[in-house]
C-alpha cells in the first residue's frame, strides 16, 4: 500500500504536549486536504490514530490540535521533537 494513495490531508507540526487525562496532542496547521477524528497521522512511518480535533489559541491566532490515541512512554515524543516544522501526512481512516 502506497501512503500517497491514501493520504487525505497534510499537517504542519508546530509543537506537541500532553494533556492530563486526555493524552498526547500535536499542534499545528492543516496545510492541505481535510482531517477527521478516526484518521491517522504518520509519524516516522508509524500510523497513530487521531482521537479528536481541537483548536489551540496562541499569540497571533489559532493552531489545530490533534489528540492522539497512543500510550504514554512509547518514545514518540523524541520523534515529534525532530519533526517540528515539517509536514506530516494524514491518512484516511479506511486503513486496516
C-alpha atoms as a PDB file:
ATOM      1  CA  UNK A   1       0.000   0.000   0.000  1.00  0.00           C
ATOM      2  CA  UNK A   2       1.413   3.394  -1.005  1.00  0.00           C
ATOM      3  CA  UNK A   3       0.803   6.099   1.629  1.00  0.00           C
ATOM      4  CA  UNK A   4       0.491   8.701  -1.147  1.00  0.00           C
ATOM      5  CA  UNK A   5      -2.583   6.892  -2.452  1.00  0.00           C
ATOM      6  CA  UNK A   6      -4.432   7.055   0.884  1.00  0.00           C
ATOM      7  CA  UNK A   7      -3.356  10.496   2.130  1.00  0.00           C
ATOM      8  CA  UNK A   8      -6.332  12.734   2.835  1.00  0.00           C
ATOM      9  CA  UNK A   9      -4.522  15.745   4.304  1.00  0.00           C
ATOM     10  CA  UNK A  10      -1.285  17.360   5.430  1.00  0.00           C
ATOM     11  CA  UNK A  11      -0.429  18.779   8.859  1.00  0.00           C
ATOM     12  CA  UNK A  12       2.435  21.217   9.576  1.00  0.00           C
ATOM     13  CA  UNK A  13       3.717  20.288  13.053  1.00  0.00           C
ATOM     14  CA  UNK A  14       4.488  23.227  15.348  1.00  0.00           C
ATOM     15  CA  UNK A  15       4.638  21.565  18.764  1.00  0.00           C
ATOM     16  CA  UNK A  16       3.361  18.719  20.938  1.00  0.00           C
ATOM     17  CA  UNK A  17       2.330  18.381  24.583  1.00  0.00           C
ATOM     18  CA  UNK A  18       0.477  16.065  26.969  1.00  0.00           C
ATOM     19  CA  UNK A  19      -2.915  16.943  28.418  1.00  0.00           C
ATOM     20  CA  UNK A  20      -3.647  15.303  31.772  1.00  0.00           C
ATOM     21  CA  UNK A  21      -6.430  12.790  31.355  1.00  0.00           C
ATOM     22  CA  UNK A  22      -6.540  13.158  27.566  1.00  0.00           C
ATOM     23  CA  UNK A  23      -3.133  12.136  26.299  1.00  0.00           C
ATOM     24  CA  UNK A  24      -0.671  13.362  23.703  1.00  0.00           C
ATOM     25  CA  UNK A  25      -1.606  16.309  21.496  1.00  0.00           C
ATOM     26  CA  UNK A  26       0.150  17.755  18.474  1.00  0.00           C
ATOM     27  CA  UNK A  27      -0.413  21.377  17.482  1.00  0.00           C
ATOM     28  CA  UNK A  28      -0.002  22.800  14.018  1.00  0.00           C
ATOM     29  CA  UNK A  29      -1.795  23.832  10.851  1.00  0.00           C
ATOM     30  CA  UNK A  30      -3.702  21.896   8.237  1.00  0.00           C
ATOM     31  CA  UNK A  31      -1.841  22.682   5.020  1.00  0.00           C
ATOM     32  CA  UNK A  32      -3.911  20.619   2.614  1.00  0.00           C
ATOM     33  CA  UNK A  33      -6.880  18.324   2.386  1.00  0.00           C
ATOM     34  CA  UNK A  34      -9.027  17.544   5.393  1.00  0.00           C
ATOM     35  CA  UNK A  35      -8.618  15.872   8.770  1.00  0.00           C
ATOM     36  CA  UNK A  36     -11.217  13.987  10.809  1.00  0.00           C
ATOM     37  CA  UNK A  37     -11.263  12.073  14.081  1.00  0.00           C
ATOM     38  CA  UNK A  38     -10.511   8.458  13.253  1.00  0.00           C
ATOM     39  CA  UNK A  39      -7.892   9.352  10.626  1.00  0.00           C
ATOM     40  CA  UNK A  40      -4.240   8.532  11.253  1.00  0.00           C
ATOM     41  CA  UNK A  41      -1.173  10.771  11.359  1.00  0.00           C
ATOM     42  CA  UNK A  42       2.087   9.369  10.029  1.00  0.00           C
ATOM     43  CA  UNK A  43       4.982   9.865  12.470  1.00  0.00           C
ATOM     44  CA  UNK A  44       8.187   8.413  11.001  1.00  0.00           C
ATOM     45  CA  UNK A  45       6.136   5.824   9.092  1.00  0.00           C
ATOM     46  CA  UNK A  46       4.185   4.809  12.213  1.00  0.00           C
ATOM     47  CA  UNK A  47       0.440   5.437  11.911  1.00  0.00           C
ATOM     48  CA  UNK A  48      -1.125   6.929  15.055  1.00  0.00           C
ATOM     49  CA  UNK A  49      -4.909   7.283  15.328  1.00  0.00           C
ATOM     50  CA  UNK A  50      -6.400  10.757  15.830  1.00  0.00           C
ATOM     51  CA  UNK A  51      -8.924  10.636  18.724  1.00  0.00           C
ATOM     52  CA  UNK A  52     -10.205  14.192  18.427  1.00  0.00           C
ATOM     53  CA  UNK A  53      -9.529  17.582  16.898  1.00  0.00           C
ATOM     54  CA  UNK A  54      -9.344  20.776  18.977  1.00  0.00           C
ATOM     55  CA  UNK A  55      -8.247  24.368  18.487  1.00  0.00           C
ATOM     56  CA  UNK A  56      -5.302  25.838  20.399  1.00  0.00           C
ATOM     57  CA  UNK A  57      -5.057  29.593  20.910  1.00  0.00           C
ATOM     58  CA  UNK A  58      -1.592  31.039  20.553  1.00  0.00           C
ATOM     59  CA  UNK A  59      -0.345  34.618  20.231  1.00  0.00           C
ATOM     60  CA  UNK A  60      -1.309  35.742  16.747  1.00  0.00           C
ATOM     61  CA  UNK A  61      -4.042  33.196  16.059  1.00  0.00           C
ATOM     62  CA  UNK A  62      -5.046  29.577  16.439  1.00  0.00           C
ATOM     63  CA  UNK A  63      -3.493  26.231  15.733  1.00  0.00           C
ATOM     64  CA  UNK A  64      -5.234  22.920  15.182  1.00  0.00           C
ATOM     65  CA  UNK A  65      -4.670  20.417  17.979  1.00  0.00           C
ATOM     66  CA  UNK A  66      -4.898  16.700  17.304  1.00  0.00           C
ATOM     67  CA  UNK A  67      -5.385  14.448  20.337  1.00  0.00           C
ATOM     68  CA  UNK A  68      -3.642  11.164  19.546  1.00  0.00           C
ATOM     69  CA  UNK A  69      -4.573   7.648  20.611  1.00  0.00           C
ATOM     70  CA  UNK A  70      -1.155   6.457  21.788  1.00  0.00           C
ATOM     71  CA  UNK A  71       0.155   5.133  25.093  1.00  0.00           C
ATOM     72  CA  UNK A  72       2.480   7.213  27.244  1.00  0.00           C
ATOM     73  CA  UNK A  73       6.120   6.208  27.406  1.00  0.00           C
ATOM     74  CA  UNK A  74       6.443   4.829  23.887  1.00  0.00           C
ATOM     75  CA  UNK A  75       9.130   7.320  22.814  1.00  0.00           C
ATOM     76  CA  UNK A  76       7.093   9.103  20.143  1.00  0.00           C
ATOM     77  CA  UNK A  77       7.898  12.498  21.701  1.00  0.00           C
ATOM     78  CA  UNK A  78      11.534  12.053  20.641  1.00  0.00           C
ATOM     79  CA  UNK A  79      10.392  11.583  17.052  1.00  0.00           C
ATOM     80  CA  UNK A  80       7.964  14.522  17.227  1.00  0.00           C
ATOM     81  CA  UNK A  81      10.732  16.774  18.549  1.00  0.00           C
ATOM     82  CA  UNK A  82      12.766  16.049  15.411  1.00  0.00           C
ATOM     83  CA  UNK A  83       9.741  16.667  13.160  1.00  0.00           C
ATOM     84  CA  UNK A  84       8.815  20.179  14.380  1.00  0.00           C
ATOM     85  CA  UNK A  85       8.385  22.456  11.367  1.00  0.00           C
ATOM     86  CA  UNK A  86       7.796  19.550   8.998  1.00  0.00           C
ATOM     87  CA  UNK A  87       4.619  18.472   7.235  1.00  0.00           C
ATOM     88  CA  UNK A  88       3.147  15.123   8.297  1.00  0.00           C
ATOM     89  CA  UNK A  89       0.696  13.085   6.232  1.00  0.00           C
ATOM     90  CA  UNK A  90      -2.861  12.443   7.404  1.00  0.00           C
ATOM     91  CA  UNK A  91      -4.077   9.024   6.316  1.00  0.00           C
ATOM     92  CA  UNK A  92      -7.712   8.089   5.731  1.00  0.00           C
ATOM     93  CA  UNK A  93      -9.427   6.033   8.429  1.00  0.00           C
ATOM     94  CA  UNK A  94     -10.017   3.295   5.875  1.00  0.00           C
ATOM     95  CA  UNK A  95      -6.531   1.897   6.636  1.00  0.00           C
ATOM     96  CA  UNK A  96      -6.769  -1.522   8.290  1.00  0.00           C
END
